[in-house]
Amino acid sequence: MIEAYKILEDTPERITYEYNALLTWGIFAALGMGLAGVFLGIFLLQVLCGIAMVIYLYIGFTKVNPINKKVRKALREGTLTMEGSKYSFQRPLRLTITHSNAE
């Protein structure tokens, strides 16, 4: 299965996640395929778009949501640093959460 985030570093001081840009571009491709299916009247493309969107939602709920909860918490605490872009394959989005000494 496609992983949404890859753990680059996991130490007691911090954890760094790297986002899989293929997910973002995959959903854009699926939406384009679905629109082409609507405009051209090709039902198969519409069905494939729907299946791709269901897979994307599954990945979102099972793989992305747990990490997003950690990211939101770190953002509130001020321990999150972000770099890169979720659209870039060259400089993908990297999220670094610095653990406080209290944990």
Protein backbone atom coordinates (compact mmCIF):
# COMPACT_ATOMS: atom_id res chain seq x y z
CA MET A 1 0.00 0.00 0.00
CA ILE A 2 1.08 3.54 -0.60
CA GLU A 3 2.42 5.30 2.47
CA ALA A 4 1.47 8.94 2.95
CA TYR A 5 4.43 9.80 5.18
CA LYS A 6 7.87 8.27 5.48
CA ILE A 7 9.76 8.60 8.75
CA LEU A 8 13.19 10.02 7.98
CA GLU A 9 14.43 10.46 11.55
CA ASP A 10 13.07 9.20 14.84
CA THR A 11 15.17 10.12 17.85
CA PRO A 12 14.24 11.02 21.44
CA GLU A 13 14.76 14.69 20.50
CA ARG A 14 12.68 14.85 17.31
CA ILE A 15 10.82 12.98 14.60
CA THR A 16 10.85 13.96 10.92
CA TYR A 17 8.17 12.93 8.43
CA GLU A 18 8.39 13.28 4.64
CA TYR A 19 5.15 13.56 2.67
CA ASN A 20 4.64 11.43 -0.45
CA ALA A 21 4.02 13.96 -3.25
CA LEU A 22 2.71 11.14 -5.43
CA LEU A 23 -0.56 11.25 -3.46
CA THR A 24 -1.17 14.89 -4.33
CA TRP A 25 -0.41 14.42 -8.01
CA GLY A 26 -2.37 11.16 -8.06
CA ILE A 27 -5.57 12.82 -6.90
CA PHE A 28 -5.08 15.60 -9.48
CA ALA A 29 -4.71 12.94 -12.20
CA ALA A 30 -7.80 11.11 -10.95
CA LEU A 31 -9.86 14.29 -10.98
CA GLY A 32 -8.63 15.12 -14.48
CA MET A 33 -9.52 11.62 -15.61
CA GLY A 34 -12.98 11.99 -14.10
CA LEU A 35 -13.55 15.36 -15.78
CA ALA A 36 -12.43 13.93 -19.11
CA GLY A 37 -14.87 11.08 -18.60
CA VAL A 38 -17.72 13.52 -17.94
CA PHE A 39 -16.93 15.75 -20.95
CA LEU A 40 -16.32 12.84 -23.32
CA GLY A 41 -19.15 10.72 -21.93
CA ILE A 42 -16.90 7.79 -21.07
CA PHE A 43 -18.40 6.02 -18.09
CA LEU A 44 -15.32 3.87 -17.42
CA LEU A 45 -13.18 6.96 -16.74
CA GLN A 46 -15.80 8.23 -14.32
CA VAL A 47 -15.81 4.93 -12.45
CA LEU A 48 -12.01 4.82 -12.32
CA CYS A 49 -12.00 8.35 -10.93
CA GLY A 50 -14.46 7.31 -8.24
CA ILE A 51 -12.36 4.29 -7.29
CA ALA A 52 -9.21 6.43 -7.12
CA MET A 53 -10.99 8.93 -4.87
CA VAL A 54 -12.16 6.17 -2.52
CA ILE A 55 -8.59 4.86 -2.29
CA TYR A 56 -7.36 8.41 -1.62
CA LEU A 57 -9.91 8.85 1.17
CA TYR A 58 -8.94 5.50 2.68
CA ILE A 59 -5.28 6.52 2.72
CA GLY A 60 -6.27 9.87 4.20
CA PHE A 61 -8.25 8.38 7.05
CA THR A 62 -5.88 5.54 7.88
CA LYS A 63 -2.40 6.93 7.12
CA VAL A 64 -2.58 10.74 7.10
CA ASN A 65 -5.07 11.50 9.88
CA PRO A 66 -3.04 10.03 12.79
CA ILE A 67 0.04 12.01 11.77
CA ASN A 68 -2.01 15.17 11.18
CA LYS A 69 -3.22 14.95 14.79
CA LYS A 70 0.41 14.93 15.98
CA VAL A 71 1.23 17.80 13.62
CA ARG A 72 -1.69 19.94 14.88
CA LYS A 73 -0.63 19.32 18.48
CA ALA A 74 2.98 20.26 17.69
CA LEU A 75 1.79 23.38 15.87
CA ARG A 76 -0.17 24.50 18.93
CA GLU A 77 2.86 23.83 21.15
CA GLY A 78 5.25 25.59 18.77
CA THR A 79 7.46 22.53 18.25
CA LEU A 80 6.78 22.04 14.52
CA THR A 81 9.04 23.06 11.65
CA MET A 82 8.06 22.58 8.02
CA GLU A 83 10.06 22.81 4.82
CA GLY A 84 9.44 21.92 1.19
CA SER A 85 6.17 21.53 -0.68
CA LYS A 86 3.58 18.79 -0.94
CA TYR A 87 3.64 19.28 -4.73
CA SER A 88 7.40 18.84 -5.19
CA PHE A 89 9.25 15.61 -5.87
CA GLN A 90 12.61 17.39 -5.60
CA ARG A 91 11.91 19.12 -2.26
CA PRO A 92 9.03 17.20 -0.66
CA LEU A 93 7.23 18.47 2.41
CA ARG A 94 9.13 17.61 5.59
CA LEU A 95 7.58 17.99 9.01
CA THR A 96 9.88 17.96 12.03
CA ILE A 97 8.37 17.70 15.50
CA THR A 98 10.76 18.49 18.32
CA HIS A 99 9.93 16.64 21.53
CA SER A 100 9.97 18.66 24.73
CA ASN A 101 12.00 17.47 27.72
CA ALA A 102 8.80 17.03 29.74
CA GLU A 103 7.78 13.92 27.74
